[in-house]
Protein backbone atom coordinates (compact mmCIF):
# COMPACT_ATOMS: atom_id res chain seq x y z
CA UNK A 1 14.10 -112.62 43.89
CA UNK A 2 15.16 -114.01 40.68
CA UNK A 3 16.60 -117.59 42.03
CA UNK A 4 19.93 -119.73 41.27
CA UNK A 5 18.67 -122.76 40.35
CA UNK A 6 18.79 -123.58 36.45
CA UNK A 7 16.97 -126.79 36.53
CA UNK A 8 15.43 -128.06 39.50
CA UNK A 9 12.77 -130.12 39.75
CA UNK A 10 10.72 -132.17 42.13
CA UNK A 11 13.27 -135.36 41.47
CA UNK A 12 15.85 -132.66 43.22
CA UNK A 13 13.71 -132.36 45.89
CA UNK A 14 12.90 -135.62 46.76
CA UNK A 15 16.37 -136.29 46.68
CA UNK A 16 18.41 -133.48 48.38
CA UNK A 17 20.10 -134.11 51.65
CA UNK A 18 20.07 -138.12 50.75
CA UNK A 19 21.83 -138.50 48.09
CA UNK A 20 24.72 -137.67 45.91
CA UNK A 21 22.85 -135.05 43.36
CA UNK A 22 23.79 -132.68 41.04
CA UNK A 23 21.67 -130.04 39.74
CA UNK A 24 22.94 -126.42 37.77
CA UNK A 25 23.24 -122.74 39.33
CA UNK A 26 23.84 -118.75 37.53
CA UNK A 27 26.29 -117.83 39.37
CA UNK A 28 28.54 -117.01 37.00
CA UNK A 29 25.68 -115.11 34.43
CA UNK A 30 26.26 -112.66 38.02
CA UNK A 31 29.91 -111.28 37.32
CA UNK A 32 31.73 -111.81 40.65
CA UNK A 33 33.76 -114.49 39.48
CA UNK A 34 35.46 -113.21 36.79
CA UNK A 35 39.21 -112.02 36.88
CA UNK A 36 38.55 -109.06 37.72
CA UNK A 37 35.99 -109.33 40.60
CA UNK A 38 38.03 -111.67 42.48
CA UNK A 39 40.78 -109.42 43.03
CA UNK A 40 38.91 -106.57 44.18
CA UNK A 41 37.13 -109.17 46.85
CA UNK A 42 40.95 -111.02 47.76
CA UNK A 43 41.96 -107.15 48.43
CA UNK A 44 38.65 -105.53 50.59
CA UNK A 45 37.96 -108.71 52.47
CA UNK A 46 39.16 -109.39 55.89
CA UNK A 47 42.32 -110.58 56.69
CA UNK A 48 41.79 -112.92 59.53
CA UNK A 49 39.03 -114.67 57.43
CA UNK A 50 40.93 -115.35 54.04
CA UNK A 51 43.27 -118.34 54.69
CA UNK A 52 45.51 -119.10 51.62
CA UNK A 53 47.03 -122.65 51.92
CA UNK A 54 49.14 -125.48 50.01
CA UNK A 55 49.36 -129.27 50.02
CA UNK A 56 51.96 -131.23 51.75
CA UNK A 57 53.88 -134.07 51.33
CA UNK A 58 51.55 -136.31 48.42
CA UNK A 59 52.54 -139.82 49.82
CA UNK A 60 52.38 -138.69 53.73
CA UNK A 61 50.70 -142.00 55.46
CA UNK A 62 47.34 -141.77 56.69
CA UNK A 63 46.89 -137.52 55.55
CA UNK A 64 48.23 -136.84 51.80
CA UNK A 65 48.05 -133.27 50.91
CA UNK A 66 47.69 -131.52 53.77
CA UNK A 67 46.96 -128.30 53.78
CA UNK A 68 49.58 -126.01 55.75
CA UNK A 69 49.18 -122.08 55.85
CA UNK A 70 50.86 -119.64 54.17
CA UNK A 71 51.15 -115.81 54.99
CA UNK A 72 50.12 -112.67 52.09
CA UNK A 73 49.66 -110.15 53.98
CA UNK A 74 51.67 -107.52 51.80
CA UNK A 75 50.54 -109.53 48.83
CA UNK A 76 48.05 -107.53 46.42
CA UNK A 77 44.61 -109.54 45.33
CA UNK A 78 46.08 -109.48 41.67
CA UNK A 79 49.12 -111.66 42.74
CA UNK A 80 47.08 -113.89 44.95
CA UNK A 81 45.46 -114.48 41.97
CA UNK A 82 48.26 -115.21 39.64
CA UNK A 83 49.53 -117.54 42.53
CA UNK A 84 46.89 -118.93 42.39
CA UNK A 85 46.27 -120.03 38.40
CA UNK A 86 50.00 -120.92 38.38
CA UNK A 87 51.21 -122.11 41.88
CA UNK A 88 49.63 -124.91 43.85
CA UNK A 89 47.66 -121.89 46.06
CA UNK A 90 44.64 -122.46 47.37
CA UNK A 91 42.58 -119.31 48.85
CA UNK A 92 39.96 -119.47 50.88
CA UNK A 93 37.42 -116.61 50.90
CA UNK A 94 35.34 -117.58 54.18
CA UNK A 95 32.62 -115.73 54.31
CA UNK A 96 32.49 -114.45 50.57
CA UNK A 97 29.44 -114.63 49.92
CA UNK A 98 27.56 -113.45 53.76
CA UNK A 99 30.27 -110.24 54.26
CA UNK A 100 29.78 -108.70 50.93
CA UNK A 101 26.55 -107.25 50.44
CA UNK A 102 26.65 -107.95 46.22
CA UNK A 103 27.59 -111.09 47.21
CA UNK A 104 25.10 -111.88 49.86
CA UNK A 105 22.63 -110.92 47.37
CA UNK A 106 23.54 -114.05 45.20
CA UNK A 107 23.42 -116.00 48.25
CA UNK A 108 20.08 -115.01 49.15
CA UNK A 109 19.15 -115.67 45.29
CA UNK A 110 20.27 -119.65 45.88
CA UNK A 111 18.91 -120.21 49.15
CA UNK A 112 15.54 -118.44 48.38
CA UNK A 113 15.43 -120.64 45.57
CA UNK A 114 16.36 -124.25 47.18
CA UNK A 115 13.41 -122.68 50.10
CA UNK A 116 10.79 -122.06 48.10
CA UNK A 117 11.91 -125.55 46.56
CA UNK A 118 12.50 -127.65 49.13
CA UNK A 119 9.38 -125.80 51.04
CA UNK A 120 11.69 -125.60 54.14
CA UNK A 121 12.11 -122.01 54.45
CA UNK A 122 14.89 -122.73 58.04
CA UNK A 123 18.46 -121.78 55.25
CA UNK A 124 20.95 -119.90 56.75
CA UNK A 125 23.57 -120.51 55.00
CA UNK A 126 27.74 -119.54 55.00
CA UNK A 127 29.62 -119.46 51.84
CA UNK A 128 33.01 -119.24 51.05
CA UNK A 129 34.29 -118.79 47.95
CA UNK A 130 37.52 -120.86 46.73
CA UNK A 131 39.85 -120.07 44.24
CA UNK A 132 43.03 -122.94 43.53
CA UNK A 133 45.74 -124.23 41.52
CA UNK A 134 45.84 -126.37 38.70
CA UNK A 135 46.91 -129.03 40.28
CA UNK A 136 45.03 -128.27 44.10
CA UNK A 137 44.03 -131.44 46.25
CA UNK A 138 41.41 -130.73 48.72
CA UNK A 139 42.44 -133.43 51.59
CA UNK A 140 39.80 -136.62 52.03
CA UNK A 141 37.79 -134.77 55.00
CA UNK A 142 33.90 -134.46 55.97
CA UNK A 143 32.13 -131.20 56.57
CA UNK A 144 30.02 -131.08 60.43
CA UNK A 145 27.10 -129.10 58.60
CA UNK A 146 25.08 -130.01 55.35
CA UNK A 147 27.14 -128.67 52.38
CA UNK A 148 26.85 -127.65 49.40
CA UNK A 149 29.97 -127.16 45.75
CA UNK A 150 28.67 -124.66 43.62
CA UNK A 151 31.21 -125.27 40.99
CA UNK A 152 31.83 -121.56 38.71
CA UNK A 153 34.85 -122.29 36.55
CA UNK A 154 37.61 -124.88 35.58
CA UNK A 155 37.40 -128.44 35.82
CA UNK A 156 37.77 -130.75 39.03
CA UNK A 157 36.65 -134.02 40.18
CA UNK A 158 35.49 -135.27 43.16
CA UNK A 159 35.59 -138.31 44.80
CA UNK A 160 33.12 -139.46 47.34
CA UNK A 161 32.99 -142.17 50.48
CA UNK A 162 30.24 -144.74 51.61
CA UNK A 163 29.83 -143.35 55.47
CA UNK A 164 30.70 -146.49 57.36
CA UNK A 165 32.82 -146.68 60.17
CA UNK A 166 35.38 -147.78 57.74
CA UNK A 167 35.72 -144.63 55.80
CA UNK A 168 34.95 -141.90 58.75
CA UNK A 169 35.32 -143.44 62.04
CA UNK A 170 33.72 -142.48 64.82
CA UNK A 171 37.52 -141.74 66.95
CA UNK A 172 38.46 -139.63 63.80
CA UNK A 173 35.01 -137.57 63.58
CA UNK A 174 35.79 -136.67 67.75
CA UNK A 175 38.71 -135.34 67.36
CA UNK A 176 37.38 -133.04 64.19
CA UNK A 177 34.91 -131.51 66.97
CA UNK A 178 37.50 -131.12 69.31
CA UNK A 179 39.57 -128.53 67.11
CA UNK A 180 38.39 -125.76 65.16
CA UNK A 181 41.36 -126.26 62.62
CA UNK A 182 40.66 -130.01 61.44
CA UNK A 183 38.17 -131.86 59.41
CA UNK A 184 40.62 -134.10 57.84
CA UNK A 185 40.39 -137.51 58.05
CA UNK A 186 42.67 -140.80 58.06
CA UNK A 187 42.80 -142.08 54.57
CA UNK A 188 43.73 -144.85 52.66
CA UNK A 189 44.57 -145.97 48.90
CA UNK A 190 42.59 -148.24 48.59
CA UNK A 191 39.34 -146.01 49.66
CA UNK A 192 39.33 -145.13 45.65
CA UNK A 193 37.05 -148.56 44.64
CA UNK A 194 34.28 -147.86 47.33
CA UNK A 195 33.64 -144.05 45.82
CA UNK A 196 31.51 -141.95 43.81
CA UNK A 197 33.28 -139.61 41.30
CA UNK A 198 31.83 -136.67 39.78
CA UNK A 199 33.68 -134.59 37.64
CA UNK A 200 31.93 -130.97 37.03
CA UNK A 201 31.35 -129.23 34.51
CA UNK A 202 31.12 -125.04 34.78
CA UNK A 203 27.90 -124.42 36.52
CA UNK A 204 26.80 -127.16 38.32
CA UNK A 205 26.71 -128.03 41.74
CA UNK A 206 26.67 -131.10 44.07
CA UNK A 207 25.04 -132.06 47.17
CA UNK A 208 26.03 -135.49 49.86
CA UNK A 209 24.47 -136.46 53.04
CA UNK A 210 25.27 -135.35 56.25
CA UNK A 211 29.34 -136.15 56.62
CA UNK A 212 30.28 -138.30 53.44
CA UNK A 213 33.54 -138.21 53.33
CA UNK A 214 34.92 -136.70 50.06
CA UNK A 215 38.08 -135.57 48.66
CA UNK A 216 38.84 -133.32 45.50
CA UNK A 217 41.07 -133.05 42.64
CA UNK A 218 41.89 -130.33 40.92
CA UNK A 219 42.45 -130.62 36.99
CA UNK A 220 42.00 -127.14 36.14
CA UNK A 221 42.14 -123.50 37.49
CA UNK A 222 39.14 -123.60 39.57
CA UNK A 223 36.51 -121.11 41.26
CA UNK A 224 33.70 -122.62 43.14
CA UNK A 225 31.19 -122.07 45.50
CA UNK A 226 31.20 -124.04 49.06
CA UNK A 227 27.91 -122.96 51.11
CA UNK A 228 26.92 -124.84 54.64
CA UNK A 229 24.41 -124.36 56.55
CA UNK A 230 23.51 -126.40 59.79
CA UNK A 231 20.30 -129.01 60.31
CA UNK A 232 18.80 -130.66 63.73
CA UNK A 233 20.04 -133.71 62.43
CA UNK A 234 23.36 -132.29 62.58
CA UNK A 235 23.66 -129.94 65.50
CA UNK A 236 22.12 -133.83 67.23
CA UNK A 237 24.45 -135.60 65.63
CA UNK A 238 27.62 -133.27 66.46
CA UNK A 239 26.20 -132.86 70.46
CA UNK A 240 26.72 -136.24 70.66
CA UNK A 241 29.78 -136.93 69.06
CA UNK A 242 31.34 -134.01 71.23
CA UNK A 243 29.38 -135.79 74.37
CA UNK A 244 31.33 -139.33 73.89
CA UNK A 245 34.88 -137.51 73.28
CA UNK A 246 34.49 -135.77 76.87
CA UNK A 247 33.01 -138.90 78.21
CA UNK A 248 36.53 -140.45 77.07
CA UNK A 249 38.65 -137.79 77.53
CA UNK A 250 37.64 -137.32 81.04
CA UNK A 251 36.71 -140.33 82.49
CA UNK A 252 37.87 -143.45 80.00
CA UNK A 253 34.50 -144.55 78.82
CA UNK A 254 33.92 -145.76 75.86
CA UNK A 255 31.11 -144.81 73.94
CA UNK A 256 30.30 -145.29 69.91
CA UNK A 257 27.76 -143.02 67.77
CA UNK A 258 27.99 -145.40 65.21
CA UNK A 259 26.59 -148.33 67.00
CA UNK A 260 24.00 -146.38 69.78
CA UNK A 261 20.56 -146.36 68.72
CA UNK A 262 17.81 -143.62 68.86
CA UNK A 263 17.26 -142.90 72.82
CA UNK A 264 21.07 -143.10 73.61
CA UNK A 265 22.09 -140.52 70.23
CA UNK A 266 19.52 -138.03 72.14
CA UNK A 267 20.90 -138.86 75.67
CA UNK A 268 23.82 -138.45 74.51
CA UNK A 269 23.41 -135.58 72.25
CA UNK A 270 21.35 -133.22 75.46
CA UNK A 271 24.38 -134.30 77.76
CA UNK A 272 26.52 -132.69 74.85
CA UNK A 273 24.88 -129.05 74.72
CA UNK A 274 24.96 -128.98 78.60
CA UNK A 275 28.60 -129.48 78.59
CA UNK A 276 29.28 -128.16 75.64
CA UNK A 277 26.92 -124.16 77.12
CA UNK A 278 28.89 -124.54 80.76
CA UNK A 279 32.16 -124.93 78.97
CA UNK A 280 33.11 -128.29 79.93
CA UNK A 281 33.26 -130.45 76.75
CA UNK A 282 35.95 -131.81 76.29
CA UNK A 283 38.92 -129.36 73.47
CA UNK A 284 41.82 -129.89 71.86
CA UNK A 285 45.14 -127.28 71.86
CA UNK A 286 45.40 -126.90 68.47
CA UNK A 287 46.99 -123.70 66.76
CA UNK A 288 47.77 -122.42 63.29
CA UNK A 289 51.24 -122.22 62.15
CA UNK A 290 51.87 -120.61 59.16
CA UNK A 291 54.62 -122.48 57.14
CA UNK A 292 55.53 -120.60 54.02
CA UNK A 293 54.75 -116.85 52.74
CA UNK A 294 53.20 -116.26 49.01
CA UNK A 295 56.28 -114.55 47.14
CA UNK A 296 55.85 -113.52 42.85
CA UNK A 297 59.49 -114.20 42.50
CA UNK A 298 59.08 -117.83 43.83
CA UNK A 299 58.68 -121.26 41.95
CA UNK A 300 54.70 -121.60 42.32
CA UNK A 301 55.02 -118.94 44.39
CA UNK A 302 55.34 -120.43 47.25
CA UNK A 303 59.01 -120.25 49.78
CA UNK A 304 59.04 -121.99 52.82
CA UNK A 305 59.66 -120.64 55.99
CA UNK A 306 59.95 -121.49 60.17
CA UNK A 307 56.77 -122.10 61.42
CA UNK A 308 54.74 -119.87 63.52
CA UNK A 309 51.92 -119.10 64.92
CA UNK A 310 48.97 -117.47 63.01
CA UNK A 311 48.11 -114.38 64.31
CA UNK A 312 45.82 -111.91 61.66
């Protein structure tokens, strides 16, 4: 199996999952991310695993550019790709790297290479394919698991922020765990003075420490692959956060993960796993509401509609 890694060194292995780190990859050489390949992918991918979004108001307080869900069911893949190139559309082909055999072969090479270089054989990655407009902006958010962004086509800029309570408050972290739809964090423009800024080149991948907050601004039409995988650390932290959220919601007991010691975190993690398995963890009743339809005759391919619940 040929690795997808091009320039990985022992220094990369030492920094992996610990620091913001870039490396080169060979995804573009596979031929799976050309316009023709993406159109075919969009037409055959399960509709319930495809997200077509646009961005909300850029000046919205605390949550600018929040994603809005679109209805694309009667739209051909060619039109969806055109919308991503010309409009304000962001597409996530969820688990596209897992569901389709030709992409799964590449995903196995991506993580087979990392496993070989790092000595960690425990990767079980999910991979989504992101197809997005020149003016697309991914809101300020964090990922619940370890994540790598593999950039394939176009230019984009990523802002990464410190892992402190100021930038990722415990309460906001907990709120995202209670909702399967939510990853966004409250954002203030003055956060940017503390950001690490990365300008992506085609064929470059980036990885960063677990849960590091970030946002992304496209500068051209872009195609990327985002992969995520759970680790013991991410599983333990998420379980402890669920325990804290449940104690607060159900019993009014305040508890902070960031201020807790290792023993407290371990106990909370075990408790969180138990109550989640038993169905007793706190939950947020969130519904995915469609607010627009993709229309090739509309400006930016977006037509607003009276909101209705997504059922596809």
